[in-house]
C-alpha atoms as a PDB file:
ATOM      1  CA  UNK A   1     165.731 122.717 165.869  1.00  0.00           C
ATOM      2  CA  UNK A   2     164.814 124.775 162.879  1.00  0.00           C
ATOM      3  CA  UNK A   3     165.377 121.720 160.693  1.00  0.00           C
ATOM      4  CA  UNK A   4     162.964 119.650 162.760  1.00  0.00           C
ATOM      5  CA  UNK A   5     160.403 122.446 162.647  1.00  0.00           C
ATOM      6  CA  UNK A   6     160.730 122.603 158.878  1.00  0.00           C
ATOM      7  CA  UNK A   7     160.279 118.867 158.585  1.00  0.00           C
ATOM      8  CA  UNK A   8     157.173 119.043 160.752  1.00  0.00           C
ATOM      9  CA  UNK A   9     155.828 121.830 158.563  1.00  0.00           C
ATOM     10  CA  UNK A  10     156.476 119.819 155.363  1.00  0.00           C
ATOM     11  CA  UNK A  11     154.908 116.735 156.942  1.00  0.00           C
ATOM     12  CA  UNK A  12     151.845 118.735 157.943  1.00  0.00           C
ATOM     13  CA  UNK A  13     151.513 120.207 154.449  1.00  0.00           C
ATOM     14  CA  UNK A  14     151.849 116.777 152.890  1.00  0.00           C
ATOM     15  CA  UNK A  15     149.199 115.395 155.227  1.00  0.00           C
ATOM     16  CA  UNK A  16     146.797 118.216 154.353  1.00  0.00           C
ATOM     17  CA  UNK A  17     147.379 117.617 150.645  1.00  0.00           C
ATOM     18  CA  UNK A  18     146.677 113.903 151.010  1.00  0.00           C
ATOM     19  CA  UNK A  19     143.478 114.603 152.946  1.00  0.00           C
ATOM     20  CA  UNK A  20     142.305 116.995 150.253  1.00  0.00           C
ATOM     21  CA  UNK A  21     142.961 114.437 147.536  1.00  0.00           C
ATOM     22  CA  UNK A  22     141.264 111.730 149.553  1.00  0.00           C
ATOM     23  CA  UNK A  23     138.142 113.877 149.940  1.00  0.00           C
ATOM     24  CA  UNK A  24     137.960 114.622 146.164  1.00  0.00           C
ATOM     25  CA  UNK A  25     138.636 111.055 145.030  1.00  0.00           C
ATOM     26  CA  UNK A  26     135.599 108.807 144.330  1.00  0.00           C
ATOM     27  CA  UNK A  27     134.977 105.759 146.507  1.00  0.00           C
ATOM     28  CA  UNK A  28     137.004 102.693 145.662  1.00  0.00           C
ATOM     29  CA  UNK A  29     133.972 100.700 144.520  1.00  0.00           C
ATOM     30  CA  UNK A  30     133.145 103.411 141.948  1.00  0.00           C
ATOM     31  CA  UNK A  31     136.694 104.362 140.985  1.00  0.00           C
ATOM     32  CA  UNK A  32     137.264 101.341 138.744  1.00  0.00           C
ATOM     33  CA  UNK A  33     133.722 101.023 137.417  1.00  0.00           C
ATOM     34  CA  UNK A  34     133.946 104.270 135.454  1.00  0.00           C
ATOM     35  CA  UNK A  35     134.074 103.539 131.732  1.00  0.00           C
ATOM     36  CA  UNK A  36     137.214 104.267 129.805  1.00  0.00           C
ATOM     37  CA  UNK A  37     137.093 107.016 127.248  1.00  0.00           C
ATOM     38  CA  UNK A  38     139.580 107.203 124.460  1.00  0.00           C
ATOM     39  CA  UNK A  39     141.235 110.519 123.794  1.00  0.00           C
ATOM     40  CA  UNK A  40     140.834 110.864 120.077  1.00  0.00           C
ATOM     41  CA  UNK A  41     143.857 113.159 119.764  1.00  0.00           C
ATOM     42  CA  UNK A  42     146.451 111.231 121.796  1.00  0.00           C
ATOM     43  CA  UNK A  43     145.146 107.726 121.257  1.00  0.00           C
ATOM     44  CA  UNK A  44     145.546 107.037 125.029  1.00  0.00           C
ATOM     45  CA  UNK A  45     142.865 105.701 127.323  1.00  0.00           C
ATOM     46  CA  UNK A  46     142.042 108.151 130.064  1.00  0.00           C
ATOM     47  CA  UNK A  47     139.807 107.617 133.065  1.00  0.00           C
ATOM     48  CA  UNK A  48     137.866 110.596 134.271  1.00  0.00           C
ATOM     49  CA  UNK A  49     134.450 111.646 135.478  1.00  0.00           C
ATOM     50  CA  UNK A  50     131.809 111.065 132.721  1.00  0.00           C
ATOM     51  CA  UNK A  51     128.280 112.084 131.977  1.00  0.00           C
ATOM     52  CA  UNK A  52     125.536 109.604 132.892  1.00  0.00           C
ATOM     53  CA  UNK A  53     125.545 108.132 129.341  1.00  0.00           C
ATOM     54  CA  UNK A  54     128.487 106.252 127.935  1.00  0.00           C
ATOM     55  CA  UNK A  55     128.966 108.651 125.031  1.00  0.00           C
ATOM     56  CA  UNK A  56     132.323 108.821 123.333  1.00  0.00           C
ATOM     57  CA  UNK A  57     133.879 112.281 123.225  1.00  0.00           C
ATOM     58  CA  UNK A  58     135.969 112.952 120.165  1.00  0.00           C
ATOM     59  CA  UNK A  59     137.327 116.424 120.100  1.00  0.00           C
ATOM     60  CA  UNK A  60     136.417 119.234 122.417  1.00  0.00           C
ATOM     61  CA  UNK A  61     132.744 119.220 123.398  1.00  0.00           C
ATOM     62  CA  UNK A  62     131.609 116.673 120.670  1.00  0.00           C
ATOM     63  CA  UNK A  63     129.208 113.934 121.784  1.00  0.00           C
ATOM     64  CA  UNK A  64     128.375 110.951 119.583  1.00  0.00           C
ATOM     65  CA  UNK A  65     124.893 109.547 120.287  1.00  0.00           C
ATOM     66  CA  UNK A  66     124.503 105.781 120.652  1.00  0.00           C
ATOM     67  CA  UNK A  67     123.130 103.975 117.529  1.00  0.00           C
ATOM     68  CA  UNK A  68     119.346 103.626 117.344  1.00  0.00           C
ATOM     69  CA  UNK A  69     117.777 100.180 117.408  1.00  0.00           C
ATOM     70  CA  UNK A  70     116.425  98.769 114.089  1.00  0.00           C
ATOM     71  CA  UNK A  71     112.866  97.479 113.477  1.00  0.00           C
ATOM     72  CA  UNK A  72     112.045  94.226 115.149  1.00  0.00           C
ATOM     73  CA  UNK A  73     110.564  91.371 113.144  1.00  0.00           C
ATOM     74  CA  UNK A  74     107.156  91.823 114.783  1.00  0.00           C
ATOM     75  CA  UNK A  75     107.078  95.536 113.943  1.00  0.00           C
ATOM     76  CA  UNK A  76     107.970  94.778 110.323  1.00  0.00           C
ATOM     77  CA  UNK A  77     105.200  92.166 110.057  1.00  0.00           C
ATOM     78  CA  UNK A  78     102.686  94.622 111.497  1.00  0.00           C
ATOM     79  CA  UNK A  79     103.618  97.245 108.887  1.00  0.00           C
ATOM     80  CA  UNK A  80     103.290  94.678 106.075  1.00  0.00           C
ATOM     81  CA  UNK A  81      99.884  93.603 107.381  1.00  0.00           C
ATOM     82  CA  UNK A  82      98.655  97.215 107.466  1.00  0.00           C
ATOM     83  CA  UNK A  83      99.828  97.791 103.874  1.00  0.00           C
ATOM     84  CA  UNK A  84      98.065  94.595 102.747  1.00  0.00           C
ATOM     85  CA  UNK A  85      94.799  95.682 104.389  1.00  0.00           C
ATOM     86  CA  UNK A  86      94.958  99.131 102.780  1.00  0.00           C
ATOM     87  CA  UNK A  87      95.660  97.590  99.381  1.00  0.00           C
ATOM     88  CA  UNK A  88      92.689  95.241  99.762  1.00  0.00           C
ATOM     89  CA  UNK A  89      90.473  98.235 100.506  1.00  0.00           C
ATOM     90  CA  UNK A  90      91.805 100.546  97.789  1.00  0.00           C
ATOM     91  CA  UNK A  91      92.308  98.243  94.785  1.00  0.00           C
ATOM     92  CA  UNK A  92      88.596  97.439  94.274  1.00  0.00           C
ATOM     93  CA  UNK A  93      87.801 101.157  94.479  1.00  0.00           C
ATOM     94  CA  UNK A  94      90.479 101.940  91.907  1.00  0.00           C
ATOM     95  CA  UNK A  95      89.132  99.201  89.642  1.00  0.00           C
ATOM     96  CA  UNK A  96      85.606 100.607  89.866  1.00  0.00           C
ATOM     97  CA  UNK A  97      86.902 104.091  89.103  1.00  0.00           C
ATOM     98  CA  UNK A  98      88.698 102.808  86.011  1.00  0.00           C
ATOM     99  CA  UNK A  99      85.539 101.015  84.825  1.00  0.00           C
ATOM    100  CA  UNK A 100      83.507 104.174  85.342  1.00  0.00           C
ATOM    101  CA  UNK A 101      86.004 106.208  83.324  1.00  0.00           C
ATOM    102  CA  UNK A 102      85.872 103.733  80.436  1.00  0.00           C
ATOM    103  CA  UNK A 103      82.096 103.677  80.539  1.00  0.00           C
ATOM    104  CA  UNK A 104      81.994 107.480  80.372  1.00  0.00           C
ATOM    105  CA  UNK A 105      84.411 107.452  77.438  1.00  0.00           C
ATOM    106  CA  UNK A 106      82.198 104.923  75.658  1.00  0.00           C
ATOM    107  CA  UNK A 107      79.136 107.144  76.152  1.00  0.00           C
ATOM    108  CA  UNK A 108      81.097 110.048  74.677  1.00  0.00           C
ATOM    109  CA  UNK A 109      81.945 107.979  71.604  1.00  0.00           C
ATOM    110  CA  UNK A 110      78.318 107.005  71.102  1.00  0.00           C
ATOM    111  CA  UNK A 111      77.331 110.683  71.242  1.00  0.00           C
ATOM    112  CA  UNK A 112      79.885 111.427  68.526  1.00  0.00           C
ATOM    113  CA  UNK A 113      78.289 108.692  66.418  1.00  0.00           C
ATOM    114  CA  UNK A 114      74.949 110.401  67.025  1.00  0.00           C
ATOM    115  CA  UNK A 115      76.390 113.635  65.634  1.00  0.00           C
ATOM    116  CA  UNK A 116      77.616 111.733  62.586  1.00  0.00           C
ATOM    117  CA  UNK A 117      74.161 110.237  61.978  1.00  0.00           C
ATOM    118  CA  UNK A 118      72.499 113.613  62.398  1.00  0.00           C
ATOM    119  CA  UNK A 119      74.749 115.116  59.732  1.00  0.00           C
ATOM    120  CA  UNK A 120      74.058 112.165  57.427  1.00  0.00           C
ATOM    121  CA  UNK A 121      70.283 112.353  57.917  1.00  0.00           C
ATOM    122  CA  UNK A 122      70.233 116.089  57.307  1.00  0.00           C
ATOM    123  CA  UNK A 123      72.068 115.554  54.020  1.00  0.00           C
ATOM    124  CA  UNK A 124      69.871 112.637  52.884  1.00  0.00           C
ATOM    125  CA  UNK A 125      66.289 113.824  53.414  1.00  0.00           C
ATOM    126  CA  UNK A 126      66.167 112.334  56.912  1.00  0.00           C
ATOM    127  CA  UNK A 127      66.576 108.735  55.701  1.00  0.00           C
ATOM    128  CA  UNK A 128      68.961 106.084  56.920  1.00  0.00           C
ATOM    129  CA  UNK A 129      71.021 104.382  54.203  1.00  0.00           C
ATOM    130  CA  UNK A 130      69.935 101.161  52.588  1.00  0.00           C
ATOM    131  CA  UNK A 131      73.267  99.444  52.076  1.00  0.00           C
ATOM    132  CA  UNK A 132      72.277  95.809  52.480  1.00  0.00           C
ATOM    133  CA  UNK A 133      74.636  94.767  49.661  1.00  0.00           C
ATOM    134  CA  UNK A 134      77.524  96.425  51.548  1.00  0.00           C
ATOM    135  CA  UNK A 135      76.580  94.564  54.725  1.00  0.00           C
ATOM    136  CA  UNK A 136      76.550  91.315  52.779  1.00  0.00           C
ATOM    137  CA  UNK A 137      79.967  92.011  51.229  1.00  0.00           C
ATOM    138  CA  UNK A 138      81.511  92.564  54.669  1.00  0.00           C
ATOM    139  CA  UNK A 139      80.467  89.076  55.693  1.00  0.00           C
ATOM    140  CA  UNK A 140      76.832  88.803  56.700  1.00  0.00           C
ATOM    141  CA  UNK A 141      76.691  85.888  59.098  1.00  0.00           C
ATOM    142  CA  UNK A 142      73.688  85.117  61.305  1.00  0.00           C
ATOM    143  CA  UNK A 143      74.758  82.800  64.127  1.00  0.00           C
ATOM    144  CA  UNK A 144      73.057  79.628  65.257  1.00  0.00           C
ATOM    145  CA  UNK A 145      73.987  80.528  68.852  1.00  0.00           C
ATOM    146  CA  UNK A 146      73.839  84.260  69.644  1.00  0.00           C
ATOM    147  CA  UNK A 147      72.980  86.566  68.114  1.00  0.00           C
ATOM    148  CA  UNK A 148      70.563  84.782  65.791  1.00  0.00           C
ATOM    149  CA  UNK A 149      71.070  87.554  63.221  1.00  0.00           C
ATOM    150  CA  UNK A 150      74.130  89.745  62.495  1.00  0.00           C
ATOM    151  CA  UNK A 151      74.008  93.146  64.263  1.00  0.00           C
ATOM    152  CA  UNK A 152      77.681  93.945  63.583  1.00  0.00           C
ATOM    153  CA  UNK A 153      78.113  97.444  62.158  1.00  0.00           C
ATOM    154  CA  UNK A 154      81.198  97.621  59.992  1.00  0.00           C
ATOM    155  CA  UNK A 155      79.038  99.085  57.246  1.00  0.00           C
ATOM    156  CA  UNK A 156      78.130 102.101  59.477  1.00  0.00           C
ATOM    157  CA  UNK A 157      81.754 103.151  59.853  1.00  0.00           C
ATOM    158  CA  UNK A 158      82.112 103.050  56.068  1.00  0.00           C
ATOM    159  CA  UNK A 159      78.940 105.088  55.460  1.00  0.00           C
ATOM    160  CA  UNK A 160      80.030 107.767  57.975  1.00  0.00           C
ATOM    161  CA  UNK A 161      83.728 107.719  57.043  1.00  0.00           C
ATOM    162  CA  UNK A 162      83.550 111.266  55.640  1.00  0.00           C
ATOM    163  CA  UNK A 163      82.031 112.539  58.895  1.00  0.00           C
ATOM    164  CA  UNK A 164      83.750 110.438  61.569  1.00  0.00           C
ATOM    165  CA  UNK A 165      87.430 110.134  60.752  1.00  0.00           C
ATOM    166  CA  UNK A 166      88.726 108.878  64.095  1.00  0.00           C
ATOM    167  CA  UNK A 167      88.663 105.044  64.039  1.00  0.00           C
ATOM    168  CA  UNK A 168      88.618 104.749  67.848  1.00  0.00           C
ATOM    169  CA  UNK A 169      85.069 106.176  67.874  1.00  0.00           C
ATOM    170  CA  UNK A 170      83.848 102.790  66.665  1.00  0.00           C
ATOM    171  CA  UNK A 171      85.455 100.684  69.381  1.00  0.00           C
ATOM    172  CA  UNK A 172      84.401 100.769  73.034  1.00  0.00           C
ATOM    173  CA  UNK A 173      87.478 101.399  75.259  1.00  0.00           C
ATOM    174  CA  UNK A 174      86.557  98.479  77.522  1.00  0.00           C
ATOM    175  CA  UNK A 175      86.610  96.117  74.547  1.00  0.00           C
ATOM    176  CA  UNK A 176      90.334  96.711  74.123  1.00  0.00           C
ATOM    177  CA  UNK A 177      91.012  94.556  77.205  1.00  0.00           C
ATOM    178  CA  UNK A 178      87.912  92.335  77.168  1.00  0.00           C
ATOM    179  CA  UNK A 179      88.527  88.594  77.234  1.00  0.00           C
ATOM    180  CA  UNK A 180      86.035  88.090  74.392  1.00  0.00           C
ATOM    181  CA  UNK A 181      87.280  90.865  72.087  1.00  0.00           C
ATOM    182  CA  UNK A 182      88.457  88.311  69.508  1.00  0.00           C
ATOM    183  CA  UNK A 183      85.129  86.449  69.354  1.00  0.00           C
ATOM    184  CA  UNK A 184      83.865  86.750  65.785  1.00  0.00           C
ATOM    185  CA  UNK A 185      80.507  88.132  66.920  1.00  0.00           C
ATOM    186  CA  UNK A 186      82.270  90.951  68.808  1.00  0.00           C
ATOM    187  CA  UNK A 187      83.821  92.901  65.942  1.00  0.00           C
ATOM    188  CA  UNK A 188      83.750  93.595  62.220  1.00  0.00           C
ATOM    189  CA  UNK A 189      86.215  95.298  59.922  1.00  0.00           C
ATOM    190  CA  UNK A 190      84.952  98.379  58.093  1.00  0.00           C
ATOM    191  CA  UNK A 191      86.323  97.284  54.733  1.00  0.00           C
ATOM    192  CA  UNK A 192      87.619  94.272  52.863  1.00  0.00           C
ATOM    193  CA  UNK A 193      91.116  95.481  51.931  1.00  0.00           C
ATOM    194  CA  UNK A 194      93.468  93.658  54.297  1.00  0.00           C
ATOM    195  CA  UNK A 195      96.480  95.555  52.914  1.00  0.00           C
ATOM    196  CA  UNK A 196      95.392  98.855  54.431  1.00  0.00           C
ATOM    197  CA  UNK A 197      94.623  99.971  57.970  1.00  0.00           C
ATOM    198  CA  UNK A 198      90.959  99.213  58.522  1.00  0.00           C
ATOM    199  CA  UNK A 199      88.667 100.537  61.229  1.00  0.00           C
ATOM    200  CA  UNK A 200      87.527  97.866  63.672  1.00  0.00           C
ATOM    201  CA  UNK A 201      83.909  98.288  64.784  1.00  0.00           C
ATOM    202  CA  UNK A 202      82.996  96.822  68.182  1.00  0.00           C
ATOM    203  CA  UNK A 203      79.377  97.964  68.485  1.00  0.00           C
ATOM    204  CA  UNK A 204      76.101  96.351  67.460  1.00  0.00           C
ATOM    205  CA  UNK A 205      73.116  97.882  65.577  1.00  0.00           C
ATOM    206  CA  UNK A 206      70.112  95.573  66.013  1.00  0.00           C
ATOM    207  CA  UNK A 207      67.840  97.561  63.701  1.00  0.00           C
ATOM    208  CA  UNK A 208      70.172  96.797  60.788  1.00  0.00           C
ATOM    209  CA  UNK A 209      70.792  93.114  61.543  1.00  0.00           C
ATOM    210  CA  UNK A 210      69.223  91.425  58.480  1.00  0.00           C
ATOM    211  CA  UNK A 211      69.416  91.736  54.702  1.00  0.00           C
ATOM    212  CA  UNK A 212      65.967  90.335  53.878  1.00  0.00           C
ATOM    213  CA  UNK A 213      63.836  91.649  51.027  1.00  0.00           C
ATOM    214  CA  UNK A 214      61.521  93.381  51.691  1.00  0.00           C
ATOM    215  CA  UNK A 215      63.005  95.185  54.657  1.00  0.00           C
ATOM    216  CA  UNK A 216      61.638  93.662  57.901  1.00  0.00           C
ATOM    217  CA  UNK A 217      59.457  95.920  60.048  1.00  0.00           C
ATOM    218  CA  UNK A 218      62.010  95.952  62.860  1.00  0.00           C
ATOM    219  CA  UNK A 219      64.824  97.022  60.514  1.00  0.00           C
ATOM    220  CA  UNK A 220      65.536 100.647  59.556  1.00  0.00           C
ATOM    221  CA  UNK A 221      67.118 100.321  56.092  1.00  0.00           C
ATOM    222  CA  UNK A 222      66.039 103.365  54.034  1.00  0.00           C
ATOM    223  CA  UNK A 223      63.518 104.578  56.641  1.00  0.00           C
ATOM    224  CA  UNK A 224      63.002 108.056  58.098  1.00  0.00           C
ATOM    225  CA  UNK A 225      63.104 108.551  61.858  1.00  0.00           C
ATOM    226  CA  UNK A 226      59.311 108.697  62.075  1.00  0.00           C
ATOM    227  CA  UNK A 227      58.998 105.542  59.966  1.00  0.00           C
ATOM    228  CA  UNK A 228      61.494 103.801  62.257  1.00  0.00           C
ATOM    229  CA  UNK A 229      59.329 104.373  65.332  1.00  0.00           C
ATOM    230  CA  UNK A 230      56.088 103.409  63.586  1.00  0.00           C
ATOM    231  CA  UNK A 231      57.459 100.272  61.927  1.00  0.00           C
ATOM    232  CA  UNK A 232      59.026  99.087  65.198  1.00  0.00           C
ATOM    233  CA  UNK A 233      55.678  99.474  66.921  1.00  0.00           C
ATOM    234  CA  UNK A 234      54.023  97.452  64.156  1.00  0.00           C
ATOM    235  CA  UNK A 235      56.696  94.745  64.337  1.00  0.00           C
ATOM    236  CA  UNK A 236      55.781  93.948  67.946  1.00  0.00           C
ATOM    237  CA  UNK A 237      59.326  92.675  68.496  1.00  0.00           C
ATOM    238  CA  UNK A 238      59.478  91.232  72.055  1.00  0.00           C
ATOM    239  CA  UNK A 239      63.151  92.177  72.399  1.00  0.00           C
ATOM    240  CA  UNK A 240      62.660  95.753  71.197  1.00  0.00           C
ATOM    241  CA  UNK A 241      59.308  96.302  72.884  1.00  0.00           C
ATOM    242  CA  UNK A 242      56.775  98.939  71.879  1.00  0.00           C
ATOM    243  CA  UNK A 243      58.481 102.353  71.800  1.00  0.00           C
ATOM    244  CA  UNK A 244      56.730 105.492  72.929  1.00  0.00           C
ATOM    245  CA  UNK A 245      58.964 107.639  70.743  1.00  0.00           C
ATOM    246  CA  UNK A 246      62.464 108.057  69.352  1.00  0.00           C
ATOM    247  CA  UNK A 247      63.956 108.240  72.858  1.00  0.00           C
ATOM    248  CA  UNK A 248      62.828 104.631  73.438  1.00  0.00           C
ATOM    249  CA  UNK A 249      64.369 103.222  70.265  1.00  0.00           C
ATOM    250  CA  UNK A 250      67.855 101.767  70.538  1.00  0.00           C
ATOM    251  CA  UNK A 251      70.163 102.535  67.607  1.00  0.00           C
ATOM    252  CA  UNK A 252      73.652 101.369  68.690  1.00  0.00           C
ATOM    253  CA  UNK A 253      74.688  99.254  71.663  1.00  0.00           C
ATOM    254  CA  UNK A 254      77.693  97.578  73.287  1.00  0.00           C
ATOM    255  CA  UNK A 255      78.382  93.945  72.506  1.00  0.00           C
ATOM    256  CA  UNK A 256      76.759  91.661  75.108  1.00  0.00           C
ATOM    257  CA  UNK A 257      75.983  87.979  75.698  1.00  0.00           C
ATOM    258  CA  UNK A 258      73.104  87.363  78.175  1.00  0.00           C
ATOM    259  CA  UNK A 259      73.529  84.416  80.537  1.00  0.00           C
ATOM    260  CA  UNK A 260      69.825  83.544  80.222  1.00  0.00           C
ATOM    261  CA  UNK A 261      70.106  82.430  76.577  1.00  0.00           C
ATOM    262  CA  UNK A 262      70.884  78.739  76.406  1.00  0.00           C
ATOM    263  CA  UNK A 263      72.545  78.851  72.983  1.00  0.00           C
ATOM    264  CA  UNK A 264      75.306  81.237  74.146  1.00  0.00           C
ATOM    265  CA  UNK A 265      78.608  79.388  74.463  1.00  0.00           C
ATOM    266  CA  UNK A 266      79.864  78.978  78.064  1.00  0.00           C
ATOM    267  CA  UNK A 267      82.972  81.122  77.493  1.00  0.00           C
ATOM    268  CA  UNK A 268      80.781  84.081  76.371  1.00  0.00           C
ATOM    269  CA  UNK A 269      77.744  83.680  78.606  1.00  0.00           C
ATOM    270  CA  UNK A 270      77.120  86.692  80.854  1.00  0.00           C
ATOM    271  CA  UNK A 271      79.879  88.823  79.323  1.00  0.00           C
ATOM    272  CA  UNK A 272      79.691  92.420  78.106  1.00  0.00           C
ATOM    273  CA  UNK A 273      81.940  95.437  77.667  1.00  0.00           C
ATOM    274  CA  UNK A 274      80.746  97.024  80.934  1.00  0.00           C
ATOM    275  CA  UNK A 275      79.950  94.587  83.788  1.00  0.00           C
ATOM    276  CA  UNK A 276      76.318  94.550  84.949  1.00  0.00           C
ATOM    277  CA  UNK A 277      75.049  96.569  82.001  1.00  0.00           C
ATOM    278  CA  UNK A 278      75.786  98.239  78.680  1.00  0.00           C
ATOM    279  CA  UNK A 279      75.847 101.633  76.981  1.00  0.00           C
ATOM    280  CA  UNK A 280      73.504 102.380  74.137  1.00  0.00           C
ATOM    281  CA  UNK A 281      72.734 105.190  71.702  1.00  0.00           C
ATOM    282  CA  UNK A 282      69.060 106.021  71.166  1.00  0.00           C
ATOM    283  CA  UNK A 283      67.350 107.215  68.011  1.00  0.00           C
ATOM    284  CA  UNK A 284      66.838 110.727  69.389  1.00  0.00           C
ATOM    285  CA  UNK A 285      70.622 111.141  69.844  1.00  0.00           C
ATOM    286  CA  UNK A 286      71.061 110.646  73.589  1.00  0.00           C
ATOM    287  CA  UNK A 287      73.269 107.946  75.081  1.00  0.00           C
ATOM    288  CA  UNK A 288      72.716 106.107  78.338  1.00  0.00           C
ATOM    289  CA  UNK A 289      73.871 103.225  80.501  1.00  0.00           C
ATOM    290  CA  UNK A 290      71.380 100.385  80.895  1.00  0.00           C
ATOM    291  CA  UNK A 291      71.736  98.010  83.844  1.00  0.00           C
ATOM    292  CA  UNK A 292      71.242  94.337  82.996  1.00  0.00           C
ATOM    293  CA  UNK A 293      71.607  91.529  85.543  1.00  0.00           C
ATOM    294  CA  UNK A 294      72.034  89.040  82.693  1.00  0.00           C
ATOM    295  CA  UNK A 295      75.532  90.354  81.957  1.00  0.00           C
ATOM    296  CA  UNK A 296      77.439  90.462  85.262  1.00  0.00           C
ATOM    297  CA  UNK A 297      80.886  89.848  83.781  1.00  0.00           C
ATOM    298  CA  UNK A 298      83.243  92.007  81.779  1.00  0.00           C
END
C-alpha cells in the first residue's frame, strides 16, 4: 500500500514536471526555426533563445554587428558626377586667379623698372640714354609683318644693369608659359656673349624702336621727360596718340600681336602675355593694365 502510494506520488511529480517543461518550451513551429549559435569556447552548436537579430555571440556578452553594405554602382556614379560638376565650376575660377596673380606680378616688375629709370635719369641730368649703336649690335631687326620696327629692349637691361640686378625683372611671368615665347619678336638677349648667362628681356619699348638719324620725333633717344611729351605730340603718331602729359605716354609694355593687323602671322594673331589686355609702364612711373579686345588669347 505504501509502495503504491509512493509510486502515485512519483508519477504525480513527474507529471507536474512535464507540464512545467511543456509550458516553458516554445511552440513546435518556432522551436526548429531558431538560428543556431556557435559557442566560441566549446566549438559546439547550441540552440537557445536569441535576440531579434542574428548576431553571433563570441564570449560572454560580446555581440558582433552584421557587415555594412558597400556602395552601389548608382551611388558611385552619382558621387563621380558631383565631383565632375564641382571641378568644372572651380577650375576656371582657379585659372582666372592664377592669371590675375601673374598680371599683378608683372605690374610689380614694371614698377621696379620705373625705379631703375628714375635713378638713371637723376644721375644723367634727366635724359634717357642714346645707345642706338648698342641696339644695333644686339640685332636691330624691323619686321615686314609685326611689328614694323623693333621695339625689343635688350639694350635697356644692359643700361640699367648696375641698378636692376635681378634678371627676372625683365621677363613677364606669363611669358614663361606662353605659346609664343620663342617667337623672335617676343624676346631679346641683353648681351652678345653666348658663353655667359644672359638676361632675357620679354618687354617692348615703342619709343626706342628705331635707330634712324636724326632721332624720330616719336623716339626718346637722348631726350628729357619734358622733351619726350612735346616731341610725341609733334609727331602726331596715330598709334601713340596725342598725350596730355607724362601719365599718358607709354614707356614699356607687354609683348602683343593684335588680331586686326593683317600682316601678323596666324599663329601669333590675337596673342599677348595677359589675355584680353596688357600691362604697361608709363613715363610718369605708374603701371597699369590696359584692356584690348584685339588680343583675346594668351
